[in-house]
Amino acid sequence: MGEESAENQARIEEARRRALEVEAQAERAASNSLTGESGEEAVRQSGLIYGALIAIAVVMVQGFLEAPSENASARISVIAFSVAIPLLAALVLVNRQETFRRRRTPAVSVTITQTVAQGAALVGLVAGFWHIYWIAGVVFLAAAFVGLFVHGSGWWRLEREQAGS
């Protein structure tokens, strides 16, 4: 009898563990849903960012293709853009799928790719401006951080006001 009770207890514990896992998966799926305007807008903004970074990268790389340079900042810029462009293109495709499915992907690889692609694009831009004139590179980097702050604080304020009304 004691052995049977221990087996039943183990089954109950296993069922509880599975139920918690299913509940956690359901919560993750719900948090990735694009319900409401703010979720859809986040996906639209991501697509805009990816496309704009690709366009800027292509324009900047053209100058380096026409007049190759042995300058370190020029090489850094080209290498960074060679990383950023294909990753950003892949993110554009993921973004289209997210729009179609009306939910964000929970894939960790996408989050990592977003960070790497946007970071590489930033490095490419800073190095490109640095190649032209080093002060321009520093100013661009500072302005990029200010822009990120303005976007973040503006978004946060608008979302907080929307939630409060």
C-alpha atoms as a PDB file:
ATOM      1  CA  MET A   1       0.000   0.000   0.000  1.00  0.00           C
ATOM      2  CA  GLY A   2       2.820   2.430   0.910  1.00  0.00           C
ATOM      3  CA  GLU A   3       4.582   1.771  -2.366  1.00  0.00           C
ATOM      4  CA  GLU A   4       1.373   2.458  -4.323  1.00  0.00           C
ATOM      5  CA  SER A   5       0.821   5.701  -2.404  1.00  0.00           C
ATOM      6  CA  ALA A   6       4.372   6.871  -3.192  1.00  0.00           C
ATOM      7  CA  GLU A   7       3.791   6.163  -6.902  1.00  0.00           C
ATOM      8  CA  ASN A   8       0.532   8.131  -6.830  1.00  0.00           C
ATOM      9  CA  GLN A   9       2.261  11.018  -5.054  1.00  0.00           C
ATOM     10  CA  ALA A  10       5.016  11.019  -7.716  1.00  0.00           C
ATOM     11  CA  ARG A  11       2.383  11.073 -10.487  1.00  0.00           C
ATOM     12  CA  ILE A  12       0.574  13.955  -8.824  1.00  0.00           C
ATOM     13  CA  GLU A  13       3.810  15.933  -8.516  1.00  0.00           C
ATOM     14  CA  GLU A  14       4.655  15.235 -12.175  1.00  0.00           C
ATOM     15  CA  ALA A  15       1.167  16.394 -13.241  1.00  0.00           C
ATOM     16  CA  ARG A  16       1.585  19.611 -11.206  1.00  0.00           C
ATOM     17  CA  ARG A  17       4.982  20.246 -12.790  1.00  0.00           C
ATOM     18  CA  ARG A  18       3.544  19.755 -16.286  1.00  0.00           C
ATOM     19  CA  ALA A  19       0.592  22.012 -15.506  1.00  0.00           C
ATOM     20  CA  LEU A  20       2.965  24.766 -14.367  1.00  0.00           C
ATOM     21  CA  GLU A  21       5.008  24.370 -17.569  1.00  0.00           C
ATOM     22  CA  VAL A  22       1.875  24.614 -19.730  1.00  0.00           C
ATOM     23  CA  GLU A  23       0.737  27.675 -17.788  1.00  0.00           C
ATOM     24  CA  ALA A  24       4.138  29.327 -18.251  1.00  0.00           C
ATOM     25  CA  GLN A  25       4.045  28.599 -21.995  1.00  0.00           C
ATOM     26  CA  ALA A  26       0.556  30.099 -22.231  1.00  0.00           C
ATOM     27  CA  GLU A  27       1.721  33.249 -20.434  1.00  0.00           C
ATOM     28  CA  ARG A  28       4.712  33.582 -22.786  1.00  0.00           C
ATOM     29  CA  ALA A  29       2.453  33.177 -25.824  1.00  0.00           C
ATOM     30  CA  ALA A  30      -0.001  35.765 -24.498  1.00  0.00           C
ATOM     31  CA  SER A  31       2.768  38.271 -23.793  1.00  0.00           C
ATOM     32  CA  ASN A  32       4.030  37.924 -27.389  1.00  0.00           C
ATOM     33  CA  SER A  33       0.593  38.566 -28.877  1.00  0.00           C
ATOM     34  CA  LEU A  34       0.186  41.764 -30.872  1.00  0.00           C
ATOM     35  CA  THR A  35      -3.171  42.602 -29.413  1.00  0.00           C
ATOM     36  CA  GLY A  36      -3.923  46.282 -29.412  1.00  0.00           C
ATOM     37  CA  GLU A  37      -2.429  49.194 -31.214  1.00  0.00           C
ATOM     38  CA  SER A  38       0.788  49.399 -29.188  1.00  0.00           C
ATOM     39  CA  GLY A  39       1.829  45.827 -30.041  1.00  0.00           C
ATOM     40  CA  GLU A  40       1.180  46.384 -33.732  1.00  0.00           C
ATOM     41  CA  GLU A  41       2.998  49.718 -33.627  1.00  0.00           C
ATOM     42  CA  ALA A  42       6.038  48.108 -32.007  1.00  0.00           C
ATOM     43  CA  VAL A  43       6.296  45.694 -34.936  1.00  0.00           C
ATOM     44  CA  ARG A  44       5.832  48.524 -37.471  1.00  0.00           C
ATOM     45  CA  GLN A  45       8.570  50.551 -35.784  1.00  0.00           C
ATOM     46  CA  SER A  46      10.933  47.576 -35.786  1.00  0.00           C
ATOM     47  CA  GLY A  47      10.385  47.055 -39.506  1.00  0.00           C
ATOM     48  CA  LEU A  48      10.994  50.748 -40.156  1.00  0.00           C
ATOM     49  CA  ILE A  49      14.202  50.685 -38.119  1.00  0.00           C
ATOM     50  CA  TYR A  50      15.539  47.586 -39.899  1.00  0.00           C
ATOM     51  CA  GLY A  51      14.757  48.966 -43.348  1.00  0.00           C
ATOM     52  CA  ALA A  52      16.224  52.388 -42.578  1.00  0.00           C
ATOM     53  CA  LEU A  53      19.430  50.864 -41.210  1.00  0.00           C
ATOM     54  CA  ILE A  54      19.812  48.728 -44.342  1.00  0.00           C
ATOM     55  CA  ALA A  55      19.313  51.778 -46.590  1.00  0.00           C
ATOM     56  CA  ILE A  56      21.800  53.882 -44.636  1.00  0.00           C
ATOM     57  CA  ALA A  57      24.333  51.042 -44.604  1.00  0.00           C
ATOM     58  CA  VAL A  58      24.086  50.542 -48.371  1.00  0.00           C
ATOM     59  CA  VAL A  59      24.550  54.259 -49.012  1.00  0.00           C
ATOM     60  CA  MET A  60      27.578  54.486 -46.713  1.00  0.00           C
ATOM     61  CA  VAL A  61      29.218  51.325 -48.054  1.00  0.00           C
ATOM     62  CA  GLN A  62      28.955  52.648 -51.627  1.00  0.00           C
ATOM     63  CA  GLY A  63      31.466  55.373 -50.802  1.00  0.00           C
ATOM     64  CA  PHE A  64      33.940  52.795 -49.546  1.00  0.00           C
ATOM     65  CA  LEU A  65      33.466  50.592 -52.607  1.00  0.00           C
ATOM     66  CA  GLU A  66      34.340  53.426 -54.969  1.00  0.00           C
ATOM     67  CA  ALA A  67      37.439  54.557 -53.091  1.00  0.00           C
ATOM     68  CA  PRO A  68      38.870  51.746 -50.972  1.00  0.00           C
ATOM     69  CA  SER A  69      40.803  52.949 -47.983  1.00  0.00           C
ATOM     70  CA  GLU A  70      43.497  51.453 -45.809  1.00  0.00           C
ATOM     71  CA  ASN A  71      42.193  53.553 -42.935  1.00  0.00           C
ATOM     72  CA  ALA A  72      41.180  51.463 -39.894  1.00  0.00           C
ATOM     73  CA  SER A  73      37.896  53.314 -39.377  1.00  0.00           C
ATOM     74  CA  ALA A  74      36.883  52.651 -42.994  1.00  0.00           C
ATOM     75  CA  ARG A  75      37.641  48.945 -42.619  1.00  0.00           C
ATOM     76  CA  ILE A  76      35.742  48.764 -39.330  1.00  0.00           C
ATOM     77  CA  SER A  77      32.760  50.452 -40.957  1.00  0.00           C
ATOM     78  CA  VAL A  78      32.707  48.064 -43.918  1.00  0.00           C
ATOM     79  CA  ILE A  79      33.127  44.986 -41.712  1.00  0.00           C
ATOM     80  CA  ALA A  80      30.389  46.144 -39.322  1.00  0.00           C
ATOM     81  CA  PHE A  81      28.017  46.759 -42.221  1.00  0.00           C
ATOM     82  CA  SER A  82      28.875  43.364 -43.703  1.00  0.00           C
ATOM     83  CA  VAL A  83      27.569  41.874 -40.461  1.00  0.00           C
ATOM     84  CA  ALA A  84      24.592  44.210 -40.095  1.00  0.00           C
ATOM     85  CA  ILE A  85      23.075  44.134 -43.588  1.00  0.00           C
ATOM     86  CA  PRO A  86      22.290  40.395 -43.866  1.00  0.00           C
ATOM     87  CA  LEU A  87      21.128  40.205 -40.250  1.00  0.00           C
ATOM     88  CA  LEU A  88      18.861  43.211 -40.715  1.00  0.00           C
ATOM     89  CA  ALA A  89      17.480  41.657 -43.902  1.00  0.00           C
ATOM     90  CA  ALA A  90      16.657  38.485 -41.972  1.00  0.00           C
ATOM     91  CA  LEU A  91      14.963  40.581 -39.285  1.00  0.00           C
ATOM     92  CA  VAL A  92      12.846  42.322 -41.939  1.00  0.00           C
ATOM     93  CA  LEU A  93      11.580  38.900 -42.994  1.00  0.00           C
ATOM     94  CA  VAL A  94      10.892  37.873 -39.393  1.00  0.00           C
ATOM     95  CA  ASN A  95       9.105  41.189 -38.896  1.00  0.00           C
ATOM     96  CA  ARG A  96       6.839  40.482 -41.880  1.00  0.00           C
ATOM     97  CA  GLN A  97       5.987  37.069 -40.435  1.00  0.00           C
ATOM     98  CA  GLU A  98       5.257  38.620 -37.042  1.00  0.00           C
ATOM     99  CA  THR A  99       2.919  41.082 -38.731  1.00  0.00           C
ATOM    100  CA  PHE A 100       1.187  38.274 -40.622  1.00  0.00           C
ATOM    101  CA  ARG A 101       0.787  36.106 -37.500  1.00  0.00           C
ATOM    102  CA  ARG A 102      -0.041  39.132 -35.326  1.00  0.00           C
ATOM    103  CA  ARG A 103       2.386  38.120 -32.598  1.00  0.00           C
ATOM    104  CA  ARG A 104       6.040  38.538 -31.697  1.00  0.00           C
ATOM    105  CA  THR A 105       8.363  35.600 -31.935  1.00  0.00           C
ATOM    106  CA  PRO A 106       9.623  34.259 -28.611  1.00  0.00           C
ATOM    107  CA  ALA A 107      12.851  32.982 -30.223  1.00  0.00           C
ATOM    108  CA  VAL A 108      15.947  33.961 -28.272  1.00  0.00           C
ATOM    109  CA  SER A 109      17.962  33.826 -31.498  1.00  0.00           C
ATOM    110  CA  VAL A 110      15.855  36.690 -32.884  1.00  0.00           C
ATOM    111  CA  THR A 111      16.482  38.816 -29.795  1.00  0.00           C
ATOM    112  CA  ILE A 112      20.226  38.156 -30.031  1.00  0.00           C
ATOM    113  CA  THR A 113      20.192  38.911 -33.764  1.00  0.00           C
ATOM    114  CA  GLN A 114      18.385  42.205 -33.123  1.00  0.00           C
ATOM    115  CA  THR A 115      21.065  43.259 -30.675  1.00  0.00           C
ATOM    116  CA  VAL A 116      23.964  42.189 -32.887  1.00  0.00           C
ATOM    117  CA  ALA A 117      22.483  43.693 -36.080  1.00  0.00           C
ATOM    118  CA  GLN A 118      21.607  47.038 -34.555  1.00  0.00           C
ATOM    119  CA  GLY A 119      24.912  47.194 -32.679  1.00  0.00           C
ATOM    120  CA  ALA A 120      26.873  46.391 -35.836  1.00  0.00           C
ATOM    121  CA  ALA A 121      24.945  49.054 -37.757  1.00  0.00           C
ATOM    122  CA  LEU A 122      25.727  51.599 -35.039  1.00  0.00           C
ATOM    123  CA  VAL A 123      29.421  50.657 -35.099  1.00  0.00           C
ATOM    124  CA  GLY A 124      29.412  50.927 -38.905  1.00  0.00           C
ATOM    125  CA  LEU A 125      27.817  54.358 -38.817  1.00  0.00           C
ATOM    126  CA  VAL A 126      30.092  55.707 -36.105  1.00  0.00           C
ATOM    127  CA  ALA A 127      33.188  54.335 -37.869  1.00  0.00           C
ATOM    128  CA  GLY A 128      31.984  55.739 -41.192  1.00  0.00           C
ATOM    129  CA  PHE A 129      31.514  59.210 -39.746  1.00  0.00           C
ATOM    130  CA  TRP A 130      34.803  58.835 -37.872  1.00  0.00           C
ATOM    131  CA  HIS A 131      36.505  58.059 -41.191  1.00  0.00           C
ATOM    132  CA  ILE A 132      35.182  61.310 -42.640  1.00  0.00           C
ATOM    133  CA  TYR A 133      36.051  63.382 -39.576  1.00  0.00           C
ATOM    134  CA  TRP A 134      36.600  61.975 -36.083  1.00  0.00           C
ATOM    135  CA  ILE A 135      34.548  64.672 -34.381  1.00  0.00           C
ATOM    136  CA  ALA A 136      31.601  63.688 -36.599  1.00  0.00           C
ATOM    137  CA  GLY A 137      31.905  60.129 -35.288  1.00  0.00           C
ATOM    138  CA  VAL A 138      31.859  61.290 -31.679  1.00  0.00           C
ATOM    139  CA  VAL A 139      28.944  63.666 -32.305  1.00  0.00           C
ATOM    140  CA  PHE A 140      27.004  60.932 -34.118  1.00  0.00           C
ATOM    141  CA  LEU A 141      27.541  58.502 -31.248  1.00  0.00           C
ATOM    142  CA  ALA A 142      26.406  61.084 -28.686  1.00  0.00           C
ATOM    143  CA  ALA A 143      23.385  62.028 -30.809  1.00  0.00           C
ATOM    144  CA  ALA A 144      22.474  58.347 -31.207  1.00  0.00           C
ATOM    145  CA  PHE A 145      22.359  57.912 -27.439  1.00  0.00           C
ATOM    146  CA  VAL A 146      20.293  61.086 -27.044  1.00  0.00           C
ATOM    147  CA  GLY A 147      17.948  59.827 -29.770  1.00  0.00           C
ATOM    148  CA  LEU A 148      17.553  56.481 -28.005  1.00  0.00           C
ATOM    149  CA  PHE A 149      16.766  58.301 -24.763  1.00  0.00           C
ATOM    150  CA  VAL A 150      14.232  60.606 -26.443  1.00  0.00           C
ATOM    151  CA  HIS A 151      12.520  57.706 -28.188  1.00  0.00           C
ATOM    152  CA  GLY A 152      12.422  55.603 -25.032  1.00  0.00           C
ATOM    153  CA  SER A 153      11.151  58.343 -22.767  1.00  0.00           C
ATOM    154  CA  GLY A 154       8.603  59.537 -25.331  1.00  0.00           C
ATOM    155  CA  TRP A 155       7.305  56.017 -25.874  1.00  0.00           C
ATOM    156  CA  TRP A 156       7.148  55.327 -22.145  1.00  0.00           C
ATOM    157  CA  ARG A 157       5.285  58.565 -21.456  1.00  0.00           C
ATOM    158  CA  LEU A 158       2.744  57.986 -24.226  1.00  0.00           C
ATOM    159  CA  GLU A 159       2.111  54.388 -23.150  1.00  0.00           C
ATOM    160  CA  ARG A 160       1.779  55.365 -19.492  1.00  0.00           C
ATOM    161  CA  GLU A 161      -0.743  58.083 -20.366  1.00  0.00           C
ATOM    162  CA  GLN A 162      -2.652  55.676 -22.621  1.00  0.00           C
ATOM    163  CA  ALA A 163      -2.842  53.078 -19.832  1.00  0.00           C
ATOM    164  CA  GLY A 164      -4.036  55.715 -17.362  1.00  0.00           C
ATOM    165  CA  SER A 165      -6.927  56.947 -19.509  1.00  0.00           C
END
